[in-house]
């Protein structure tokens, strides 16, 4: 099951301490393994999340999430979807004809969005 996102959103997911708490002795530590992404149509078997550009087109294609509470917790795709349900904002990457750019920016700002 492939999940589509962008670099900004994926970086926010991996930075969320409620989903990826820091390792604590005796705590419920959570980590991922074998993460595979397709970044701008190129497969990356060992992606470095910090190297992603906010505007990168990303597909999560594989990976497992583990927890000290459960040996195999879930897939990265499922865990990402669970995280998405908790967020109040979504980062989007759009393509718009140059002559309509200002109208799109105005619409985003008018709807309470923020331009990156």
PDB file of N, CA and C in Angstrom:
ATOM      1  N   UNK A   1       0.850  -1.164   0.000  1.00  0.00           N
ATOM      2  CA  UNK A   1       0.000   0.000   0.000  1.00  0.00           C
ATOM      3  C   UNK A   1       0.901   1.233   0.000  1.00  0.00           C
ATOM      4  N   UNK A   2       0.803   2.029  -1.029  1.00  0.00           N
ATOM      5  CA  UNK A   2       1.629   3.230  -1.178  1.00  0.00           C
ATOM      6  C   UNK A   2       0.865   4.445  -0.671  1.00  0.00           C
ATOM      7  N   UNK A   3       1.565   5.288   0.074  1.00  0.00           N
ATOM      8  CA  UNK A   3       0.985   6.529   0.574  1.00  0.00           C
ATOM      9  C   UNK A   3       1.747   7.682  -0.058  1.00  0.00           C
ATOM     10  N   UNK A   4       1.016   8.648  -0.601  1.00  0.00           N
ATOM     11  CA  UNK A   4       1.632   9.824  -1.229  1.00  0.00           C
ATOM     12  C   UNK A   4       1.631  10.994  -0.251  1.00  0.00           C
ATOM     13  N   UNK A   5       2.737  11.757  -0.270  1.00  0.00           N
ATOM     14  CA  UNK A   5       2.857  12.934   0.567  1.00  0.00           C
ATOM     15  C   UNK A   5       3.900  13.853  -0.057  1.00  0.00           C
ATOM     16  N   UNK A   6       4.407  14.783   0.721  1.00  0.00           N
ATOM     17  CA  UNK A   6       5.495  15.636   0.246  1.00  0.00           C
ATOM     18  C   UNK A   6       6.559  15.725   1.333  1.00  0.00           C
ATOM     19  N   UNK A   7       7.687  16.320   0.990  1.00  0.00           N
ATOM     20  CA  UNK A   7       8.801  16.376   1.932  1.00  0.00           C
ATOM     21  C   UNK A   7       8.454  17.093   3.217  1.00  0.00           C
ATOM     22  N   UNK A   8       7.740  18.201   3.127  1.00  0.00           N
ATOM     23  CA  UNK A   8       7.385  18.976   4.319  1.00  0.00           C
ATOM     24  C   UNK A   8       6.549  18.143   5.282  1.00  0.00           C
ATOM     25  N   UNK A   9       5.561  17.464   4.741  1.00  0.00           N
ATOM     26  CA  UNK A   9       4.669  16.675   5.593  1.00  0.00           C
ATOM     27  C   UNK A   9       5.389  15.475   6.197  1.00  0.00           C
ATOM     28  N   UNK A  10       6.235  14.820   5.420  1.00  0.00           N
ATOM     29  CA  UNK A  10       6.950  13.657   5.938  1.00  0.00           C
ATOM     30  C   UNK A  10       7.931  14.060   7.037  1.00  0.00           C
ATOM     31  N   UNK A  11       8.596  15.207   6.858  1.00  0.00           N
ATOM     32  CA  UNK A  11       9.501  15.689   7.908  1.00  0.00           C
ATOM     33  C   UNK A  11       8.718  16.004   9.182  1.00  0.00           C
ATOM     34  N   UNK A  12       7.518  16.581   9.049  1.00  0.00           N
ATOM     35  CA  UNK A  12       6.689  16.877  10.222  1.00  0.00           C
ATOM     36  C   UNK A  12       6.284  15.584  10.931  1.00  0.00           C
ATOM     37  N   UNK A  13       5.947  14.549  10.159  1.00  0.00           N
ATOM     38  CA  UNK A  13       5.587  13.253  10.722  1.00  0.00           C
ATOM     39  C   UNK A  13       6.723  12.687  11.563  1.00  0.00           C
ATOM     40  N   UNK A  14       7.917  12.646  11.008  1.00  0.00           N
ATOM     41  CA  UNK A  14       9.045  12.059  11.734  1.00  0.00           C
ATOM     42  C   UNK A  14       9.538  12.939  12.880  1.00  0.00           C
ATOM     43  N   UNK A  15       9.172  14.209  12.891  1.00  0.00           N
ATOM     44  CA  UNK A  15       9.567  15.107  13.982  1.00  0.00           C
ATOM     45  C   UNK A  15       8.559  15.111  15.127  1.00  0.00           C
ATOM     46  N   UNK A  16       7.414  14.489  14.952  1.00  0.00           N
ATOM     47  CA  UNK A  16       6.356  14.505  15.965  1.00  0.00           C
ATOM     48  C   UNK A  16       6.721  13.569  17.119  1.00  0.00           C
ATOM     49  N   UNK A  17       7.080  14.153  18.250  1.00  0.00           N
ATOM     50  CA  UNK A  17       7.533  13.378  19.411  1.00  0.00           C
ATOM     51  C   UNK A  17       6.426  12.529  20.027  1.00  0.00           C
ATOM     52  N   UNK A  18       5.169  12.845  19.752  1.00  0.00           N
ATOM     53  CA  UNK A  18       4.110  11.995  20.281  1.00  0.00           C
ATOM     54  C   UNK A  18       4.021  10.673  19.506  1.00  0.00           C
ATOM     55  N   UNK A  19       4.505  10.668  18.268  1.00  0.00           N
ATOM     56  CA  UNK A  19       4.534   9.432  17.479  1.00  0.00           C
ATOM     57  C   UNK A  19       5.908   8.769  17.494  1.00  0.00           C
ATOM     58  N   UNK A  20       6.949   9.570  17.655  1.00  0.00           N
ATOM     59  CA  UNK A  20       8.321   9.067  17.685  1.00  0.00           C
ATOM     60  C   UNK A  20       9.021   9.591  18.947  1.00  0.00           C
ATOM     61  N   UNK A  21       8.630   9.090  20.119  1.00  0.00           N
ATOM     62  CA  UNK A  21       9.230   9.605  21.354  1.00  0.00           C
ATOM     63  C   UNK A  21      10.721   9.268  21.424  1.00  0.00           C
ATOM     64  N   UNK A  22      11.453  10.139  22.106  1.00  0.00           N
ATOM     65  CA  UNK A  22      12.872   9.873  22.321  1.00  0.00           C
ATOM     66  C   UNK A  22      13.032   8.598  23.143  1.00  0.00           C
ATOM     67  N   UNK A  23      14.114   7.874  22.883  1.00  0.00           N
ATOM     68  CA  UNK A  23      14.372   6.644  23.641  1.00  0.00           C
ATOM     69  C   UNK A  23      14.485   6.951  25.126  1.00  0.00           C
ATOM     70  N   UNK A  24      13.764   6.170  25.902  1.00  0.00           N
ATOM     71  CA  UNK A  24      13.792   6.316  27.349  1.00  0.00           C
ATOM     72  C   UNK A  24      13.938   4.937  27.967  1.00  0.00           C
ATOM     73  N   UNK A  25      14.851   4.784  28.912  1.00  0.00           N
ATOM     74  CA  UNK A  25      14.961   3.485  29.582  1.00  0.00           C
ATOM     75  C   UNK A  25      13.623   3.101  30.207  1.00  0.00           C
ATOM     76  N   UNK A  26      13.149   1.930  29.882  1.00  0.00           N
ATOM     77  CA  UNK A  26      11.884   1.456  30.427  1.00  0.00           C
ATOM     78  C   UNK A  26      10.657   2.089  29.786  1.00  0.00           C
ATOM     79  N   UNK A  27      10.851   2.972  28.818  1.00  0.00           N
ATOM     80  CA  UNK A  27       9.730   3.633  28.166  1.00  0.00           C
ATOM     81  C   UNK A  27       9.233   2.852  26.962  1.00  0.00           C
ATOM     82  N   UNK A  28       8.154   3.326  26.352  1.00  0.00           N
ATOM     83  CA  UNK A  28       7.621   2.700  25.148  1.00  0.00           C
ATOM     84  C   UNK A  28       8.330   3.309  23.946  1.00  0.00           C
ATOM     85  N   UNK A  29       9.476   2.786  23.616  1.00  0.00           N
ATOM     86  CA  UNK A  29      10.267   3.299  22.507  1.00  0.00           C
ATOM     87  C   UNK A  29       9.700   2.793  21.185  1.00  0.00           C
ATOM     88  N   UNK A  30       9.711   3.673  20.176  1.00  0.00           N
ATOM     89  CA  UNK A  30       9.159   3.354  18.865  1.00  0.00           C
ATOM     90  C   UNK A  30      10.201   3.709  17.812  1.00  0.00           C
ATOM     91  N   UNK A  31      10.391   2.818  16.825  1.00  0.00           N
ATOM     92  CA  UNK A  31      11.357   3.064  15.762  1.00  0.00           C
ATOM     93  C   UNK A  31      10.868   2.402  14.479  1.00  0.00           C
ATOM     94  N   UNK A  32      11.514   2.753  13.368  1.00  0.00           N
ATOM     95  CA  UNK A  32      11.149   2.155  12.090  1.00  0.00           C
ATOM     96  C   UNK A  32      12.369   1.464  11.491  1.00  0.00           C
ATOM     97  N   UNK A  33      12.092   0.567  10.563  1.00  0.00           N
ATOM     98  CA  UNK A  33      13.159  -0.175   9.902  1.00  0.00           C
ATOM     99  C   UNK A  33      12.760  -0.400   8.447  1.00  0.00           C
ATOM    100  N   UNK A  34      13.763  -0.474   7.585  1.00  0.00           N
ATOM    101  CA  UNK A  34      13.593  -0.785   6.165  1.00  0.00           C
ATOM    102  C   UNK A  34      12.672   0.196   5.441  1.00  0.00           C
ATOM    103  N   UNK A  35      12.728   1.467   5.832  1.00  0.00           N
ATOM    104  CA  UNK A  35      11.917   2.483   5.172  1.00  0.00           C
ATOM    105  C   UNK A  35      12.342   2.615   3.713  1.00  0.00           C
ATOM    106  N   UNK A  36      11.384   2.549   2.825  1.00  0.00           N
ATOM    107  CA  UNK A  36      11.628   2.742   1.399  1.00  0.00           C
ATOM    108  C   UNK A  36      10.693   3.833   0.898  1.00  0.00           C
ATOM    109  N   UNK A  37      11.281   4.812   0.232  1.00  0.00           N
ATOM    110  CA  UNK A  37      10.513   5.924  -0.323  1.00  0.00           C
ATOM    111  C   UNK A  37      10.790   6.040  -1.809  1.00  0.00           C
ATOM    112  N   UNK A  38       9.836   6.577  -2.528  1.00  0.00           N
ATOM    113  CA  UNK A  38      10.070   7.023  -3.899  1.00  0.00           C
ATOM    114  C   UNK A  38      10.007   8.537  -3.829  1.00  0.00           C
ATOM    115  N   UNK A  39      11.135   9.173  -4.098  1.00  0.00           N
ATOM    116  CA  UNK A  39      11.258  10.623  -3.995  1.00  0.00           C
ATOM    117  C   UNK A  39      11.436  11.179  -5.396  1.00  0.00           C
ATOM    118  N   UNK A  40      10.469  11.965  -5.822  1.00  0.00           N
ATOM    119  CA  UNK A  40      10.507  12.536  -7.181  1.00  0.00           C
ATOM    120  C   UNK A  40      10.778  11.461  -8.229  1.00  0.00           C
ATOM    121  N   UNK A  41      10.058  10.346  -8.110  1.00  0.00           N
ATOM    122  CA  UNK A  41      10.110   9.212  -9.048  1.00  0.00           C
ATOM    123  C   UNK A  41      11.376   8.377  -8.961  1.00  0.00           C
ATOM    124  N   UNK A  42      12.207   8.573  -7.929  1.00  0.00           N
ATOM    125  CA  UNK A  42      13.426   7.773  -7.735  1.00  0.00           C
ATOM    126  C   UNK A  42      13.315   6.996  -6.426  1.00  0.00           C
ATOM    127  N   UNK A  43      13.470   5.669  -6.498  1.00  0.00           N
ATOM    128  CA  UNK A  43      13.397   4.852  -5.291  1.00  0.00           C
ATOM    129  C   UNK A  43      14.626   5.078  -4.421  1.00  0.00           C
ATOM    130  N   UNK A  44      14.398   5.209  -3.119  1.00  0.00           N
ATOM    131  CA  UNK A  44      15.481   5.386  -2.152  1.00  0.00           C
ATOM    132  C   UNK A  44      15.283   4.361  -1.047  1.00  0.00           C
ATOM    133  N   UNK A  45      16.213   3.393  -0.963  1.00  0.00           N
ATOM    134  CA  UNK A  45      16.116   2.322   0.027  1.00  0.00           C
ATOM    135  C   UNK A  45      16.670   2.729   1.386  1.00  0.00           C
ATOM    136  N   UNK A  46      17.416   3.826   1.434  1.00  0.00           N
ATOM    137  CA  UNK A  46      17.971   4.316   2.697  1.00  0.00           C
ATOM    138  C   UNK A  46      17.798   5.834   2.777  1.00  0.00           C
ATOM    139  N   UNK A  47      16.549   6.296   2.802  1.00  0.00           N
ATOM    140  CA  UNK A  47      16.316   7.738   2.767  1.00  0.00           C
ATOM    141  C   UNK A  47      16.759   8.437   4.052  1.00  0.00           C
ATOM    142  N   UNK A  48      17.243   9.658   3.880  1.00  0.00           N
ATOM    143  CA  UNK A  48      17.589  10.512   5.013  1.00  0.00           C
ATOM    144  C   UNK A  48      16.525  11.608   5.041  1.00  0.00           C
ATOM    145  N   UNK A  49      15.657  11.534   6.008  1.00  0.00           N
ATOM    146  CA  UNK A  49      14.504  12.437   6.069  1.00  0.00           C
ATOM    147  C   UNK A  49      14.940  13.899   6.097  1.00  0.00           C
ATOM    148  N   UNK A  50      15.996  14.207   6.832  1.00  0.00           N
ATOM    149  CA  UNK A  50      16.466  15.597   6.929  1.00  0.00           C
ATOM    150  C   UNK A  50      16.943  16.154   5.590  1.00  0.00           C
ATOM    151  N   UNK A  51      17.254  15.283   4.641  1.00  0.00           N
ATOM    152  CA  UNK A  51      17.724  15.742   3.326  1.00  0.00           C
ATOM    153  C   UNK A  51      16.581  16.040   2.354  1.00  0.00           C
ATOM    154  N   UNK A  52      15.355  15.738   2.744  1.00  0.00           N
ATOM    155  CA  UNK A  52      14.219  16.004   1.872  1.00  0.00           C
ATOM    156  C   UNK A  52      13.982  17.501   1.732  1.00  0.00           C
ATOM    157  N   UNK A  53      13.584  17.905   0.552  1.00  0.00           N
ATOM    158  CA  UNK A  53      13.136  19.274   0.319  1.00  0.00           C
ATOM    159  C   UNK A  53      11.635  19.300   0.579  1.00  0.00           C
ATOM    160  N   UNK A  54      11.126  20.398   1.096  1.00  0.00           N
ATOM    161  CA  UNK A  54       9.698  20.493   1.408  1.00  0.00           C
ATOM    162  C   UNK A  54       8.831  20.171   0.195  1.00  0.00           C
ATOM    163  N   UNK A  55       9.279  20.549  -0.984  1.00  0.00           N
ATOM    164  CA  UNK A  55       8.478  20.364  -2.195  1.00  0.00           C
ATOM    165  C   UNK A  55       8.662  18.997  -2.859  1.00  0.00           C
ATOM    166  N   UNK A  56       9.495  18.124  -2.293  1.00  0.00           N
ATOM    167  CA  UNK A  56       9.680  16.795  -2.887  1.00  0.00           C
ATOM    168  C   UNK A  56       8.367  16.024  -2.904  1.00  0.00           C
ATOM    169  N   UNK A  57       8.116  15.330  -4.010  1.00  0.00           N
ATOM    170  CA  UNK A  57       6.983  14.419  -4.111  1.00  0.00           C
ATOM    171  C   UNK A  57       7.446  13.078  -3.552  1.00  0.00           C
ATOM    172  N   UNK A  58       6.738  12.575  -2.547  1.00  0.00           N
ATOM    173  CA  UNK A  58       7.195  11.381  -1.836  1.00  0.00           C
ATOM    174  C   UNK A  58       6.089  10.333  -1.805  1.00  0.00           C
ATOM    175  N   UNK A  59       6.496   9.094  -2.036  1.00  0.00           N
ATOM    176  CA  UNK A  59       5.604   7.952  -1.845  1.00  0.00           C
ATOM    177  C   UNK A  59       6.270   7.047  -0.807  1.00  0.00           C
ATOM    178  N   UNK A  60       5.528   6.703   0.226  1.00  0.00           N
ATOM    179  CA  UNK A  60       6.001   5.728   1.210  1.00  0.00           C
ATOM    180  C   UNK A  60       5.597   4.365   0.672  1.00  0.00           C
ATOM    181  N   UNK A  61       6.574   3.530   0.340  1.00  0.00           N
ATOM    182  CA  UNK A  61       6.247   2.252  -0.273  1.00  0.00           C
ATOM    183  C   UNK A  61       6.498   1.056   0.636  1.00  0.00           C
ATOM    184  N   UNK A  62       7.351   1.241   1.652  1.00  0.00           N
ATOM    185  CA  UNK A  62       7.649   0.103   2.530  1.00  0.00           C
ATOM    186  C   UNK A  62       8.272   0.601   3.817  1.00  0.00           C
ATOM    187  N   UNK A  63       8.148  -0.186   4.837  1.00  0.00           N
ATOM    188  CA  UNK A  63       8.781   0.089   6.122  1.00  0.00           C
ATOM    189  C   UNK A  63       7.923  -0.475   7.245  1.00  0.00           C
ATOM    190  N   UNK A  64       8.586  -0.832   8.321  1.00  0.00           N
ATOM    191  CA  UNK A  64       7.905  -1.383   9.484  1.00  0.00           C
ATOM    192  C   UNK A  64       8.163  -0.496  10.689  1.00  0.00           C
ATOM    193  N   UNK A  65       7.177  -0.407  11.570  1.00  0.00           N
ATOM    194  CA  UNK A  65       7.298   0.334  12.817  1.00  0.00           C
ATOM    195  C   UNK A  65       7.286  -0.684  13.947  1.00  0.00           C
ATOM    196  N   UNK A  66       8.245  -0.526  14.853  1.00  0.00           N
ATOM    197  CA  UNK A  66       8.379  -1.427  15.993  1.00  0.00           C
ATOM    198  C   UNK A  66       8.232  -0.642  17.282  1.00  0.00           C
ATOM    199  N   UNK A  67       7.846  -1.335  18.318  1.00  0.00           N
ATOM    200  CA  UNK A  67       7.670  -0.727  19.623  1.00  0.00           C
ATOM    201  C   UNK A  67       8.147  -1.713  20.678  1.00  0.00           C
ATOM    202  N   UNK A  68       8.656  -1.178  21.785  1.00  0.00           N
ATOM    203  CA  UNK A  68       9.025  -2.078  22.878  1.00  0.00           C
ATOM    204  C   UNK A  68       7.783  -2.740  23.462  1.00  0.00           C
ATOM    205  N   UNK A  69       6.612  -2.140  23.258  1.00  0.00           N
ATOM    206  CA  UNK A  69       5.363  -2.712  23.756  1.00  0.00           C
ATOM    207  C   UNK A  69       4.865  -3.862  22.871  1.00  0.00           C
ATOM    208  N   UNK A  70       5.163  -3.783  21.547  1.00  0.00           N
ATOM    209  CA  UNK A  70       4.747  -4.819  20.601  1.00  0.00           C
ATOM    210  C   UNK A  70       5.909  -5.064  19.639  1.00  0.00           C
ATOM    211  N   UNK A  71       6.280  -6.315  19.401  1.00  0.00           N
ATOM    212  CA  UNK A  71       7.416  -6.574  18.503  1.00  0.00           C
ATOM    213  C   UNK A  71       7.250  -5.981  17.098  1.00  0.00           C
ATOM    214  N   UNK A  72       6.128  -6.215  16.445  1.00  0.00           N
ATOM    215  CA  UNK A  72       5.866  -5.579  15.147  1.00  0.00           C
ATOM    216  C   UNK A  72       4.584  -4.791  15.311  1.00  0.00           C
ATOM    217  N   UNK A  73       4.736  -3.493  15.374  1.00  0.00           N
ATOM    218  CA  UNK A  73       3.629  -2.609  15.691  1.00  0.00           C
ATOM    219  C   UNK A  73       2.712  -2.431  14.485  1.00  0.00           C
ATOM    220  N   UNK A  74       3.270  -1.938  13.351  1.00  0.00           N
ATOM    221  CA  UNK A  74       2.468  -1.697  12.148  1.00  0.00           C
ATOM    222  C   UNK A  74       3.409  -1.323  11.009  1.00  0.00           C
ATOM    223  N   UNK A  75       2.843  -1.003   9.863  1.00  0.00           N
ATOM    224  CA  UNK A  75       3.657  -0.526   8.742  1.00  0.00           C
ATOM    225  C   UNK A  75       3.844   0.985   8.869  1.00  0.00           C
ATOM    226  N   UNK A  76       4.882   1.517   8.230  1.00  0.00           N
ATOM    227  CA  UNK A  76       5.102   2.961   8.226  1.00  0.00           C
ATOM    228  C   UNK A  76       3.921   3.648   7.541  1.00  0.00           C
ATOM    229  N   UNK A  77       3.399   3.050   6.485  1.00  0.00           N
ATOM    230  CA  UNK A  77       2.272   3.635   5.768  1.00  0.00           C
ATOM    231  C   UNK A  77       1.064   3.805   6.687  1.00  0.00           C
ATOM    232  N   UNK A  78       0.729   2.767   7.427  1.00  0.00           N
ATOM    233  CA  UNK A  78      -0.411   2.818   8.344  1.00  0.00           C
ATOM    234  C   UNK A  78      -0.163   3.813   9.468  1.00  0.00           C
ATOM    235  N   UNK A  79       1.052   3.832   9.994  1.00  0.00           N
ATOM    236  CA  UNK A  79       1.402   4.750  11.081  1.00  0.00           C
ATOM    237  C   UNK A  79       1.319   6.197  10.596  1.00  0.00           C
ATOM    238  N   UNK A  80       1.753   6.447   9.362  1.00  0.00           N
ATOM    239  CA  UNK A  80       1.652   7.784   8.779  1.00  0.00           C
ATOM    240  C   UNK A  80       0.182   8.198   8.647  1.00  0.00           C
ATOM    241  N   UNK A  81      -0.664   7.294   8.167  1.00  0.00           N
ATOM    242  CA  UNK A  81      -2.092   7.604   8.032  1.00  0.00           C
ATOM    243  C   UNK A  81      -2.716   7.907   9.397  1.00  0.00           C
ATOM    244  N   UNK A  82      -2.307   7.162  10.413  1.00  0.00           N
ATOM    245  CA  UNK A  82      -2.804   7.408  11.765  1.00  0.00           C
ATOM    246  C   UNK A  82      -2.384   8.802  12.232  1.00  0.00           C
ATOM    247  N   UNK A  83      -1.130   9.177  11.941  1.00  0.00           N
ATOM    248  CA  UNK A  83      -0.630  10.511  12.287  1.00  0.00           C
ATOM    249  C   UNK A  83      -1.426  11.592  11.555  1.00  0.00           C
ATOM    250  N   UNK A  84      -1.682  11.378  10.260  1.00  0.00           N
ATOM    251  CA  UNK A  84      -2.422  12.358   9.456  1.00  0.00           C
ATOM    252  C   UNK A  84      -3.782  12.674  10.069  1.00  0.00           C
ATOM    253  N   UNK A  85      -4.428  11.680  10.652  1.00  0.00           N
ATOM    254  CA  UNK A  85      -5.745  11.888  11.254  1.00  0.00           C
ATOM    255  C   UNK A  85      -5.664  12.810  12.473  1.00  0.00           C
ATOM    256  N   UNK A  86      -4.477  12.954  13.065  1.00  0.00           N
ATOM    257  CA  UNK A  86      -4.334  13.795  14.252  1.00  0.00           C
ATOM    258  C   UNK A  86      -3.945  15.231  13.907  1.00  0.00           C
ATOM    259  N   UNK A  87      -3.603  15.487  12.661  1.00  0.00           N
ATOM    260  CA  UNK A  87      -3.130  16.818  12.286  1.00  0.00           C
ATOM    261  C   UNK A  87      -4.291  17.739  11.944  1.00  0.00           C
ATOM    262  N   UNK A  88      -4.046  19.023  12.082  1.00  0.00           N
ATOM    263  CA  UNK A  88      -5.081  20.011  11.776  1.00  0.00           C
ATOM    264  C   UNK A  88      -4.784  20.768  10.491  1.00  0.00           C
ATOM    265  N   UNK A  89      -3.587  20.567   9.921  1.00  0.00           N
ATOM    266  CA  UNK A  89      -3.195  21.245   8.685  1.00  0.00           C
ATOM    267  C   UNK A  89      -2.559  20.240   7.740  1.00  0.00           C
ATOM    268  N   UNK A  90      -2.661  20.498   6.454  1.00  0.00           N
ATOM    269  CA  UNK A  90      -2.057  19.650   5.435  1.00  0.00           C
ATOM    270  C   UNK A  90      -1.202  20.500   4.520  1.00  0.00           C
ATOM    271  N   UNK A  91       0.013  20.034   4.257  1.00  0.00           N
ATOM    272  CA  UNK A  91       0.886  20.705   3.292  1.00  0.00           C
ATOM    273  C   UNK A  91       0.565  20.170   1.908  1.00  0.00           C
ATOM    274  N   UNK A  92       0.416  21.066   0.941  1.00  0.00           N
ATOM    275  CA  UNK A  92       0.124  20.641  -0.421  1.00  0.00           C
ATOM    276  C   UNK A  92       1.137  21.245  -1.385  1.00  0.00           C
ATOM    277  N   UNK A  93       1.378  20.531  -2.430  1.00  0.00           N
ATOM    278  CA  UNK A  93       2.227  20.996  -3.518  1.00  0.00           C
ATOM    279  C   UNK A  93       1.333  21.060  -4.740  1.00  0.00           C
ATOM    280  N   UNK A  94       1.244  22.225  -5.354  1.00  0.00           N
ATOM    281  CA  UNK A  94       0.353  22.385  -6.498  1.00  0.00           C
ATOM    282  C   UNK A  94       1.119  22.948  -7.689  1.00  0.00           C
ATOM    283  N   UNK A  95       0.575  22.726  -8.844  1.00  0.00           N
ATOM    284  CA  UNK A  95       1.086  23.324 -10.070  1.00  0.00           C
ATOM    285  C   UNK A  95      -0.024  24.190 -10.633  1.00  0.00           C
ATOM    286  N   UNK A  96       0.313  25.436 -10.950  1.00  0.00           N
ATOM    287  CA  UNK A  96      -0.694  26.377 -11.421  1.00  0.00           C
ATOM    288  C   UNK A  96      -0.087  27.211 -12.549  1.00  0.00           C
ATOM    289  N   UNK A  97      -0.853  27.544 -13.575  1.00  0.00           N
ATOM    290  CA  UNK A  97      -0.322  28.415 -14.630  1.00  0.00           C
ATOM    291  C   UNK A  97       0.130  29.749 -14.022  1.00  0.00           C
ATOM    292  N   UNK A  98       1.226  30.274 -14.513  1.00  0.00           N
ATOM    293  CA  UNK A  98       1.796  31.510 -13.973  1.00  0.00           C
ATOM    294  C   UNK A  98       0.790  32.644 -13.912  1.00  0.00           C
ATOM    295  N   UNK A  99      -0.065  32.738 -14.899  1.00  0.00           N
ATOM    296  CA  UNK A  99      -1.017  33.850 -14.924  1.00  0.00           C
ATOM    297  C   UNK A  99      -2.068  33.737 -13.811  1.00  0.00           C
ATOM    298  N   UNK A 100      -2.211  32.558 -13.175  1.00  0.00           N
ATOM    299  CA  UNK A 100      -3.179  32.370 -12.095  1.00  0.00           C
ATOM    300  C   UNK A 100      -2.526  32.291 -10.718  1.00  0.00           C
ATOM    301  N   UNK A 101      -1.212  32.464 -10.664  1.00  0.00           N
ATOM    302  CA  UNK A 101      -0.485  32.297  -9.396  1.00  0.00           C
ATOM    303  C   UNK A 101      -0.990  33.231  -8.306  1.00  0.00           C
ATOM    304  N   UNK A 102      -1.152  34.486  -8.602  1.00  0.00           N
ATOM    305  CA  UNK A 102      -1.587  35.442  -7.578  1.00  0.00           C
ATOM    306  C   UNK A 102      -2.989  35.115  -7.066  1.00  0.00           C
ATOM    307  N   UNK A 103      -3.858  34.649  -7.936  1.00  0.00           N
ATOM    308  CA  UNK A 103      -5.210  34.279  -7.521  1.00  0.00           C
ATOM    309  C   UNK A 103      -5.180  33.075  -6.575  1.00  0.00           C
ATOM    310  N   UNK A 104      -4.300  32.113  -6.873  1.00  0.00           N
ATOM    311  CA  UNK A 104      -4.184  30.935  -6.012  1.00  0.00           C
ATOM    312  C   UNK A 104      -3.602  31.332  -4.657  1.00  0.00           C
ATOM    313  N   UNK A 105      -2.575  32.184  -4.662  1.00  0.00           N
ATOM    314  CA  UNK A 105      -2.005  32.655  -3.400  1.00  0.00           C
ATOM    315  C   UNK A 105      -3.065  33.370  -2.563  1.00  0.00           C
ATOM    316  N   UNK A 106      -3.852  34.219  -3.192  1.00  0.00           N
ATOM    317  CA  UNK A 106      -4.906  34.946  -2.474  1.00  0.00           C
ATOM    318  C   UNK A 106      -5.936  33.986  -1.896  1.00  0.00           C
ATOM    319  N   UNK A 107      -6.287  32.955  -2.653  1.00  0.00           N
ATOM    320  CA  UNK A 107      -7.259  31.974  -2.172  1.00  0.00           C
ATOM    321  C   UNK A 107      -6.715  31.208  -0.965  1.00  0.00           C
ATOM    322  N   UNK A 108      -5.444  30.848  -1.021  1.00  0.00           N
ATOM    323  CA  UNK A 108      -4.820  30.137   0.100  1.00  0.00           C
ATOM    324  C   UNK A 108      -4.827  31.004   1.355  1.00  0.00           C
ATOM    325  N   UNK A 109      -4.403  32.244   1.196  1.00  0.00           N
ATOM    326  CA  UNK A 109      -4.377  33.163   2.341  1.00  0.00           C
ATOM    327  C   UNK A 109      -5.787  33.437   2.855  1.00  0.00           C
ATOM    328  N   UNK A 110      -6.756  33.582   1.946  1.00  0.00           N
ATOM    329  CA  UNK A 110      -8.135  33.822   2.313  1.00  0.00           C
ATOM    330  C   UNK A 110      -8.765  32.661   3.081  1.00  0.00           C
ATOM    331  N   UNK A 111      -8.253  31.454   2.835  1.00  0.00           N
ATOM    332  CA  UNK A 111      -8.774  30.268   3.529  1.00  0.00           C
ATOM    333  C   UNK A 111      -8.016  29.977   4.818  1.00  0.00           C
ATOM    334  N   UNK A 112      -7.130  30.905   5.208  1.00  0.00           N
ATOM    335  CA  UNK A 112      -6.383  30.729   6.460  1.00  0.00           C
ATOM    336  C   UNK A 112      -5.089  29.966   6.311  1.00  0.00           C
ATOM    337  N   UNK A 113      -4.670  29.724   5.068  1.00  0.00           N
ATOM    338  CA  UNK A 113      -3.439  28.999   4.831  1.00  0.00           C
ATOM    339  C   UNK A 113      -2.221  29.885   4.972  1.00  0.00           C
ATOM    340  N   UNK A 114      -1.064  29.280   4.920  1.00  0.00           N
ATOM    341  CA  UNK A 114       0.216  29.971   5.016  1.00  0.00           C
ATOM    342  C   UNK A 114       1.039  29.590   3.796  1.00  0.00           C
ATOM    343  N   UNK A 115       1.649  30.546   3.161  1.00  0.00           N
ATOM    344  CA  UNK A 115       2.508  30.272   2.013  1.00  0.00           C
ATOM    345  C   UNK A 115       3.915  29.991   2.501  1.00  0.00           C
ATOM    346  N   UNK A 116       4.502  28.930   1.984  1.00  0.00           N
ATOM    347  CA  UNK A 116       5.857  28.559   2.397  1.00  0.00           C
ATOM    348  C   UNK A 116       6.886  29.389   1.679  1.00  0.00           C
TER     349      UNK A 116
END
